[in-house]
């Protein structure tokens, strides 16, 4: 039951990325030039940042679930406990 929204979200993301690349190929001043995507250093740096942000998001989610599940924090207290600078 939970898999359907995930599959739909992934499909929307793939379609959106394809539309972005197609629009960038036709536009006279694209946001990201296609020759940059062919550069190995630029592409690998972007993939590395994507992996790092994904890992940080998983860590943040696990801390929030841990605070609510094991320490029985409320949603408000969890938000305040996981806020930056705390």
PDB file of N, CA and C in Angstrom:
ATOM      1  N   UNK A   1       0.811  -1.188   0.000  1.00  0.00           N
ATOM      2  CA  UNK A   1       0.000   0.000   0.000  1.00  0.00           C
ATOM      3  C   UNK A   1       0.861   1.261   0.000  1.00  0.00           C
ATOM      4  N   UNK A   2       1.965   1.252   0.715  1.00  0.00           N
ATOM      5  CA  UNK A   2       2.841   2.410   0.795  1.00  0.00           C
ATOM      6  C   UNK A   2       3.683   2.546  -0.476  1.00  0.00           C
ATOM      7  N   UNK A   3       3.879   1.485  -1.204  1.00  0.00           N
ATOM      8  CA  UNK A   3       4.748   1.509  -2.373  1.00  0.00           C
ATOM      9  C   UNK A   3       4.185   2.352  -3.514  1.00  0.00           C
ATOM     10  N   UNK A   4       2.882   2.439  -3.656  1.00  0.00           N
ATOM     11  CA  UNK A   4       2.300   3.175  -4.784  1.00  0.00           C
ATOM     12  C   UNK A   4       2.678   4.651  -4.780  1.00  0.00           C
ATOM     13  N   UNK A   5       2.580   5.370  -3.662  1.00  0.00           N
ATOM     14  CA  UNK A   5       3.000   6.778  -3.697  1.00  0.00           C
ATOM     15  C   UNK A   5       4.491   6.937  -3.985  1.00  0.00           C
ATOM     16  N   UNK A   6       5.313   6.016  -3.508  1.00  0.00           N
ATOM     17  CA  UNK A   6       6.745   6.103  -3.768  1.00  0.00           C
ATOM     18  C   UNK A   6       7.042   5.907  -5.239  1.00  0.00           C
ATOM     19  N   UNK A   7       6.390   4.929  -5.847  1.00  0.00           N
ATOM     20  CA  UNK A   7       6.597   4.681  -7.265  1.00  0.00           C
ATOM     21  C   UNK A   7       6.105   5.862  -8.079  1.00  0.00           C
ATOM     22  N   UNK A   8       4.979   6.416  -7.708  1.00  0.00           N
ATOM     23  CA  UNK A   8       4.437   7.578  -8.422  1.00  0.00           C
ATOM     24  C   UNK A   8       5.366   8.781  -8.268  1.00  0.00           C
ATOM     25  N   UNK A   9       5.884   9.002  -7.078  1.00  0.00           N
ATOM     26  CA  UNK A   9       6.805  10.120  -6.855  1.00  0.00           C
ATOM     27  C   UNK A   9       8.088   9.937  -7.655  1.00  0.00           C
ATOM     28  N   UNK A  10       8.594   8.706  -7.703  1.00  0.00           N
ATOM     29  CA  UNK A  10       9.802   8.436  -8.485  1.00  0.00           C
ATOM     30  C   UNK A  10       9.546   8.655  -9.974  1.00  0.00           C
ATOM     31  N   UNK A  11       8.375   8.234 -10.454  1.00  0.00           N
ATOM     32  CA  UNK A  11       8.031   8.422 -11.865  1.00  0.00           C
ATOM     33  C   UNK A  11       7.919   9.908 -12.202  1.00  0.00           C
ATOM     34  N   UNK A  12       7.303  10.677 -11.325  1.00  0.00           N
ATOM     35  CA  UNK A  12       7.195  12.122 -11.541  1.00  0.00           C
ATOM     36  C   UNK A  12       8.579  12.765 -11.551  1.00  0.00           C
ATOM     37  N   UNK A  13       9.456  12.325 -10.665  1.00  0.00           N
ATOM     38  CA  UNK A  13      10.811  12.873 -10.624  1.00  0.00           C
ATOM     39  C   UNK A  13      11.574  12.564 -11.911  1.00  0.00           C
ATOM     40  N   UNK A  14      11.459  11.348 -12.412  1.00  0.00           N
ATOM     41  CA  UNK A  14      12.153  10.968 -13.651  1.00  0.00           C
ATOM     42  C   UNK A  14      11.618  11.781 -14.825  1.00  0.00           C
ATOM     43  N   UNK A  15      10.312  11.914 -14.919  1.00  0.00           N
ATOM     44  CA  UNK A  15       9.708  12.682 -16.010  1.00  0.00           C
ATOM     45  C   UNK A  15      10.132  14.154 -15.932  1.00  0.00           C
ATOM     46  N   UNK A  16      10.181  14.697 -14.729  1.00  0.00           N
ATOM     47  CA  UNK A  16      10.576  16.092 -14.554  1.00  0.00           C
ATOM     48  C   UNK A  16      12.033  16.311 -14.943  1.00  0.00           C
ATOM     49  N   UNK A  17      12.914  15.405 -14.562  1.00  0.00           N
ATOM     50  CA  UNK A  17      14.327  15.532 -14.941  1.00  0.00           C
ATOM     51  C   UNK A  17      14.480  15.430 -16.454  1.00  0.00           C
ATOM     52  N   UNK A  18      13.769  14.521 -17.086  1.00  0.00           N
ATOM     53  CA  UNK A  18      13.823  14.400 -18.551  1.00  0.00           C
ATOM     54  C   UNK A  18      13.317  15.666 -19.224  1.00  0.00           C
ATOM     55  N   UNK A  19      12.245  16.234 -18.709  1.00  0.00           N
ATOM     56  CA  UNK A  19      11.722  17.482 -19.272  1.00  0.00           C
ATOM     57  C   UNK A  19      12.705  18.629 -19.072  1.00  0.00           C
ATOM     58  N   UNK A  20      13.372  18.675 -17.934  1.00  0.00           N
ATOM     59  CA  UNK A  20      14.375  19.704 -17.664  1.00  0.00           C
ATOM     60  C   UNK A  20      15.540  19.606 -18.639  1.00  0.00           C
ATOM     61  N   UNK A  21      16.030  18.394 -18.865  1.00  0.00           N
ATOM     62  CA  UNK A  21      17.148  18.198 -19.796  1.00  0.00           C
ATOM     63  C   UNK A  21      16.727  18.565 -21.218  1.00  0.00           C
ATOM     64  N   UNK A  22      15.533  18.164 -21.621  1.00  0.00           N
ATOM     65  CA  UNK A  22      15.053  18.490 -22.964  1.00  0.00           C
ATOM     66  C   UNK A  22      14.884  20.000 -23.131  1.00  0.00           C
ATOM     67  N   UNK A  23      14.347  20.672 -22.134  1.00  0.00           N
ATOM     68  CA  UNK A  23      14.187  22.121 -22.201  1.00  0.00           C
ATOM     69  C   UNK A  23      15.539  22.817 -22.228  1.00  0.00           C
ATOM     70  N   UNK A  24      16.498  22.329 -21.456  1.00  0.00           N
ATOM     71  CA  UNK A  24      17.835  22.919 -21.445  1.00  0.00           C
ATOM     72  C   UNK A  24      18.534  22.748 -22.785  1.00  0.00           C
ATOM     73  N   UNK A  25      18.255  21.663 -23.489  1.00  0.00           N
ATOM     74  CA  UNK A  25      18.874  21.435 -24.792  1.00  0.00           C
ATOM     75  C   UNK A  25      18.360  22.429 -25.830  1.00  0.00           C
ATOM     76  N   UNK A  26      17.119  22.871 -25.708  1.00  0.00           N
ATOM     77  CA  UNK A  26      16.524  23.770 -26.691  1.00  0.00           C
ATOM     78  C   UNK A  26      16.649  25.247 -26.336  1.00  0.00           C
ATOM     79  N   UNK A  27      16.879  25.555 -25.093  1.00  0.00           N
ATOM     80  CA  UNK A  27      16.869  26.945 -24.651  1.00  0.00           C
ATOM     81  C   UNK A  27      18.191  27.634 -25.025  1.00  0.00           C
ATOM     82  N   UNK A  28      18.154  28.924 -25.444  1.00  0.00           N
ATOM     83  CA  UNK A  28      19.399  29.617 -25.799  1.00  0.00           C
ATOM     84  C   UNK A  28      20.302  29.909 -24.592  1.00  0.00           C
ATOM     85  N   UNK A  29      19.724  30.055 -23.402  1.00  0.00           N
ATOM     86  CA  UNK A  29      20.513  30.306 -22.189  1.00  0.00           C
ATOM     87  C   UNK A  29      20.017  29.371 -21.092  1.00  0.00           C
ATOM     88  N   UNK A  30      20.414  28.089 -21.129  1.00  0.00           N
ATOM     89  CA  UNK A  30      19.894  27.132 -20.142  1.00  0.00           C
ATOM     90  C   UNK A  30      20.469  27.357 -18.746  1.00  0.00           C
ATOM     91  N   UNK A  31      19.766  26.829 -17.759  1.00  0.00           N
ATOM     92  CA  UNK A  31      20.232  26.930 -16.378  1.00  0.00           C
ATOM     93  C   UNK A  31      21.535  26.160 -16.211  1.00  0.00           C
ATOM     94  N   UNK A  32      21.580  24.932 -16.710  1.00  0.00           N
ATOM     95  CA  UNK A  32      22.781  24.098 -16.688  1.00  0.00           C
ATOM     96  C   UNK A  32      23.100  23.734 -18.133  1.00  0.00           C
ATOM     97  N   UNK A  33      24.279  24.111 -18.578  1.00  0.00           N
ATOM     98  CA  UNK A  33      24.663  23.797 -19.954  1.00  0.00           C
ATOM     99  C   UNK A  33      24.973  22.312 -20.072  1.00  0.00           C
ATOM    100  N   UNK A  34      24.586  21.744 -21.199  1.00  0.00           N
ATOM    101  CA  UNK A  34      24.744  20.300 -21.384  1.00  0.00           C
ATOM    102  C   UNK A  34      26.208  19.873 -21.381  1.00  0.00           C
ATOM    103  N   UNK A  35      27.092  20.741 -21.827  1.00  0.00           N
ATOM    104  CA  UNK A  35      28.516  20.359 -21.839  1.00  0.00           C
ATOM    105  C   UNK A  35      29.061  20.206 -20.422  1.00  0.00           C
ATOM    106  N   UNK A  36      28.453  20.917 -19.456  1.00  0.00           N
ATOM    107  CA  UNK A  36      28.866  20.730 -18.063  1.00  0.00           C
ATOM    108  C   UNK A  36      28.510  19.334 -17.560  1.00  0.00           C
ATOM    109  N   UNK A  37      27.372  18.824 -17.987  1.00  0.00           N
ATOM    110  CA  UNK A  37      26.957  17.490 -17.541  1.00  0.00           C
ATOM    111  C   UNK A  37      27.852  16.399 -18.120  1.00  0.00           C
ATOM    112  N   UNK A  38      28.516  16.695 -19.221  1.00  0.00           N
ATOM    113  CA  UNK A  38      29.447  15.727 -19.815  1.00  0.00           C
ATOM    114  C   UNK A  38      30.814  15.737 -19.127  1.00  0.00           C
ATOM    115  N   UNK A  39      31.097  16.798 -18.359  1.00  0.00           N
ATOM    116  CA  UNK A  39      32.368  16.900 -17.645  1.00  0.00           C
ATOM    117  C   UNK A  39      32.368  15.929 -16.466  1.00  0.00           C
ATOM    118  N   UNK A  40      33.381  15.088 -16.421  1.00  0.00           N
ATOM    119  CA  UNK A  40      33.435  14.037 -15.400  1.00  0.00           C
ATOM    120  C   UNK A  40      33.583  14.611 -13.996  1.00  0.00           C
ATOM    121  N   UNK A  41      34.395  15.648 -13.843  1.00  0.00           N
ATOM    122  CA  UNK A  41      34.610  16.240 -12.520  1.00  0.00           C
ATOM    123  C   UNK A  41      33.322  16.893 -12.015  1.00  0.00           C
ATOM    124  N   UNK A  42      32.646  17.656 -12.857  1.00  0.00           N
ATOM    125  CA  UNK A  42      31.393  18.318 -12.473  1.00  0.00           C
ATOM    126  C   UNK A  42      30.327  17.291 -12.118  1.00  0.00           C
ATOM    127  N   UNK A  43      30.182  16.274 -12.941  1.00  0.00           N
ATOM    128  CA  UNK A  43      29.161  15.255 -12.683  1.00  0.00           C
ATOM    129  C   UNK A  43      29.453  14.468 -11.411  1.00  0.00           C
ATOM    130  N   UNK A  44      30.710  14.083 -11.217  1.00  0.00           N
ATOM    131  CA  UNK A  44      31.046  13.314 -10.012  1.00  0.00           C
ATOM    132  C   UNK A  44      30.897  14.165  -8.753  1.00  0.00           C
ATOM    133  N   UNK A  45      31.190  15.464  -8.841  1.00  0.00           N
ATOM    134  CA  UNK A  45      30.999  16.340  -7.688  1.00  0.00           C
ATOM    135  C   UNK A  45      29.518  16.449  -7.342  1.00  0.00           C
ATOM    136  N   UNK A  46      28.670  16.547  -8.352  1.00  0.00           N
ATOM    137  CA  UNK A  46      27.230  16.627  -8.094  1.00  0.00           C
ATOM    138  C   UNK A  46      26.684  15.330  -7.515  1.00  0.00           C
ATOM    139  N   UNK A  47      27.159  14.203  -7.996  1.00  0.00           N
ATOM    140  CA  UNK A  47      26.722  12.917  -7.446  1.00  0.00           C
ATOM    141  C   UNK A  47      27.195  12.769  -6.002  1.00  0.00           C
ATOM    142  N   UNK A  48      28.416  13.223  -5.716  1.00  0.00           N
ATOM    143  CA  UNK A  48      28.946  13.149  -4.358  1.00  0.00           C
ATOM    144  C   UNK A  48      28.125  14.005  -3.396  1.00  0.00           C
ATOM    145  N   UNK A  49      27.769  15.211  -3.811  1.00  0.00           N
ATOM    146  CA  UNK A  49      26.951  16.087  -2.972  1.00  0.00           C
ATOM    147  C   UNK A  49      25.563  15.482  -2.773  1.00  0.00           C
ATOM    148  N   UNK A  50      25.003  14.894  -3.819  1.00  0.00           N
ATOM    149  CA  UNK A  50      23.700  14.252  -3.699  1.00  0.00           C
ATOM    150  C   UNK A  50      23.737  13.121  -2.679  1.00  0.00           C
ATOM    151  N   UNK A  51      24.772  12.306  -2.711  1.00  0.00           N
ATOM    152  CA  UNK A  51      24.913  11.210  -1.747  1.00  0.00           C
ATOM    153  C   UNK A  51      25.089  11.747  -0.330  1.00  0.00           C
ATOM    154  N   UNK A  52      25.878  12.819  -0.178  1.00  0.00           N
ATOM    155  CA  UNK A  52      26.096  13.399   1.146  1.00  0.00           C
ATOM    156  C   UNK A  52      24.800  13.973   1.719  1.00  0.00           C
ATOM    157  N   UNK A  53      24.033  14.686   0.891  1.00  0.00           N
ATOM    158  CA  UNK A  53      22.764  15.235   1.371  1.00  0.00           C
ATOM    159  C   UNK A  53      21.759  14.131   1.681  1.00  0.00           C
ATOM    160  N   UNK A  54      21.753  13.072   0.896  1.00  0.00           N
ATOM    161  CA  UNK A  54      20.850  11.952   1.167  1.00  0.00           C
ATOM    162  C   UNK A  54      21.209  11.294   2.501  1.00  0.00           C
ATOM    163  N   UNK A  55      22.516  11.136   2.752  1.00  0.00           N
ATOM    164  CA  UNK A  55      22.949  10.550   4.025  1.00  0.00           C
ATOM    165  C   UNK A  55      22.567  11.445   5.202  1.00  0.00           C
ATOM    166  N   UNK A  56      22.726  12.760   5.034  1.00  0.00           N
ATOM    167  CA  UNK A  56      22.337  13.682   6.104  1.00  0.00           C
ATOM    168  C   UNK A  56      20.834  13.631   6.358  1.00  0.00           C
ATOM    169  N   UNK A  57      20.041  13.551   5.295  1.00  0.00           N
ATOM    170  CA  UNK A  57      18.591  13.475   5.449  1.00  0.00           C
ATOM    171  C   UNK A  57      18.186  12.195   6.169  1.00  0.00           C
ATOM    172  N   UNK A  58      18.851  11.072   5.845  1.00  0.00           N
ATOM    173  CA  UNK A  58      18.546   9.817   6.545  1.00  0.00           C
ATOM    174  C   UNK A  58      18.923   9.906   8.014  1.00  0.00           C
ATOM    175  N   UNK A  59      20.041  10.543   8.315  1.00  0.00           N
ATOM    176  CA  UNK A  59      20.456  10.716   9.705  1.00  0.00           C
ATOM    177  C   UNK A  59      19.461  11.587  10.466  1.00  0.00           C
ATOM    178  N   UNK A  60      19.038  12.679   9.850  1.00  0.00           N
ATOM    179  CA  UNK A  60      18.083  13.564  10.499  1.00  0.00           C
ATOM    180  C   UNK A  60      16.749  12.863  10.735  1.00  0.00           C
ATOM    181  N   UNK A  61      16.277  12.110   9.759  1.00  0.00           N
ATOM    182  CA  UNK A  61      15.029  11.367   9.930  1.00  0.00           C
ATOM    183  C   UNK A  61      15.153  10.325  11.039  1.00  0.00           C
ATOM    184  N   UNK A  62      16.290   9.627  11.087  1.00  0.00           N
ATOM    185  CA  UNK A  62      16.443   8.605  12.123  1.00  0.00           C
ATOM    186  C   UNK A  62      16.493   9.228  13.523  1.00  0.00           C
ATOM    187  N   UNK A  63      17.095  10.396  13.654  1.00  0.00           N
ATOM    188  CA  UNK A  63      17.124  11.078  14.954  1.00  0.00           C
ATOM    189  C   UNK A  63      15.720  11.503  15.362  1.00  0.00           C
ATOM    190  N   UNK A  64      14.941  12.020  14.416  1.00  0.00           N
ATOM    191  CA  UNK A  64      13.573  12.444  14.720  1.00  0.00           C
ATOM    192  C   UNK A  64      12.719  11.246  15.127  1.00  0.00           C
ATOM    193  N   UNK A  65      12.825  10.151  14.379  1.00  0.00           N
ATOM    194  CA  UNK A  65      12.056   8.959  14.735  1.00  0.00           C
ATOM    195  C   UNK A  65      12.495   8.392  16.075  1.00  0.00           C
ATOM    196  N   UNK A  66      13.782   8.467  16.379  1.00  0.00           N
ATOM    197  CA  UNK A  66      14.302   7.979  17.655  1.00  0.00           C
ATOM    198  C   UNK A  66      13.782   8.838  18.809  1.00  0.00           C
ATOM    199  N   UNK A  67      13.784  10.159  18.615  1.00  0.00           N
ATOM    200  CA  UNK A  67      13.292  11.033  19.680  1.00  0.00           C
ATOM    201  C   UNK A  67      11.812  10.797  19.963  1.00  0.00           C
ATOM    202  N   UNK A  68      11.027  10.619  18.910  1.00  0.00           N
ATOM    203  CA  UNK A  68       9.596  10.405  19.105  1.00  0.00           C
ATOM    204  C   UNK A  68       9.275   8.986  19.561  1.00  0.00           C
ATOM    205  N   UNK A  69      10.024   8.008  19.079  1.00  0.00           N
ATOM    206  CA  UNK A  69       9.717   6.615  19.390  1.00  0.00           C
ATOM    207  C   UNK A  69      10.272   6.124  20.710  1.00  0.00           C
ATOM    208  N   UNK A  70      11.529   6.450  20.993  1.00  0.00           N
ATOM    209  CA  UNK A  70      12.175   5.902  22.192  1.00  0.00           C
ATOM    210  C   UNK A  70      12.117   6.846  23.386  1.00  0.00           C
ATOM    211  N   UNK A  71      12.223   8.128  23.126  1.00  0.00           N
ATOM    212  CA  UNK A  71      12.161   9.072  24.237  1.00  0.00           C
ATOM    213  C   UNK A  71      10.763   9.644  24.418  1.00  0.00           C
ATOM    214  N   UNK A  72       9.838   9.288  23.537  1.00  0.00           N
ATOM    215  CA  UNK A  72       8.438   9.697  23.618  1.00  0.00           C
ATOM    216  C   UNK A  72       8.274  11.214  23.654  1.00  0.00           C
ATOM    217  N   UNK A  73       9.078  11.908  22.839  1.00  0.00           N
ATOM    218  CA  UNK A  73       8.930  13.351  22.689  1.00  0.00           C
ATOM    219  C   UNK A  73       7.695  13.646  21.849  1.00  0.00           C
ATOM    220  N   UNK A  74       7.061  14.787  22.114  1.00  0.00           N
ATOM    221  CA  UNK A  74       5.968  15.236  21.253  1.00  0.00           C
ATOM    222  C   UNK A  74       6.575  15.794  19.954  1.00  0.00           C
ATOM    223  N   UNK A  75       5.713  16.073  18.982  1.00  0.00           N
ATOM    224  CA  UNK A  75       6.203  16.611  17.715  1.00  0.00           C
ATOM    225  C   UNK A  75       6.866  17.979  17.917  1.00  0.00           C
ATOM    226  N   UNK A  76       6.284  18.811  18.764  1.00  0.00           N
ATOM    227  CA  UNK A  76       6.851  20.131  19.027  1.00  0.00           C
ATOM    228  C   UNK A  76       8.194  20.028  19.735  1.00  0.00           C
ATOM    229  N   UNK A  77       8.258  19.180  20.735  1.00  0.00           N
ATOM    230  CA  UNK A  77       9.514  19.018  21.476  1.00  0.00           C
ATOM    231  C   UNK A  77      10.594  18.400  20.595  1.00  0.00           C
ATOM    232  N   UNK A  78      10.223  17.478  19.707  1.00  0.00           N
ATOM    233  CA  UNK A  78      11.168  16.894  18.781  1.00  0.00           C
ATOM    234  C   UNK A  78      11.707  17.941  17.832  1.00  0.00           C
ATOM    235  N   UNK A  79      10.819  18.801  17.335  1.00  0.00           N
ATOM    236  CA  UNK A  79      11.271  19.872  16.446  1.00  0.00           C
ATOM    237  C   UNK A  79      12.237  20.817  17.130  1.00  0.00           C
ATOM    238  N   UNK A  80      11.943  21.164  18.368  1.00  0.00           N
ATOM    239  CA  UNK A  80      12.841  22.045  19.107  1.00  0.00           C
ATOM    240  C   UNK A  80      14.160  21.349  19.472  1.00  0.00           C
ATOM    241  N   UNK A  81      14.093  20.059  19.758  1.00  0.00           N
ATOM    242  CA  UNK A  81      15.309  19.326  20.126  1.00  0.00           C
ATOM    243  C   UNK A  81      16.220  19.096  18.930  1.00  0.00           C
ATOM    244  N   UNK A  82      15.643  19.010  17.741  1.00  0.00           N
ATOM    245  CA  UNK A  82      16.476  18.754  16.557  1.00  0.00           C
ATOM    246  C   UNK A  82      16.791  20.021  15.772  1.00  0.00           C
ATOM    247  N   UNK A  83      16.398  21.182  16.301  1.00  0.00           N
ATOM    248  CA  UNK A  83      16.670  22.451  15.621  1.00  0.00           C
ATOM    249  C   UNK A  83      18.165  22.763  15.676  1.00  0.00           C
ATOM    250  N   UNK A  84      18.671  23.422  14.666  1.00  0.00           N
ATOM    251  CA  UNK A  84      20.094  23.811  14.679  1.00  0.00           C
ATOM    252  C   UNK A  84      20.409  24.746  15.839  1.00  0.00           C
ATOM    253  N   UNK A  85      21.569  24.608  16.388  1.00  0.00           N
ATOM    254  CA  UNK A  85      22.007  25.456  17.480  1.00  0.00           C
ATOM    255  C   UNK A  85      21.542  24.992  18.845  1.00  0.00           C
ATOM    256  N   UNK A  86      20.920  23.853  18.896  1.00  0.00           N
ATOM    257  CA  UNK A  86      20.425  23.334  20.158  1.00  0.00           C
ATOM    258  C   UNK A  86      21.513  22.600  20.836  1.00  0.00           C
TER     259      UNK A  86
END
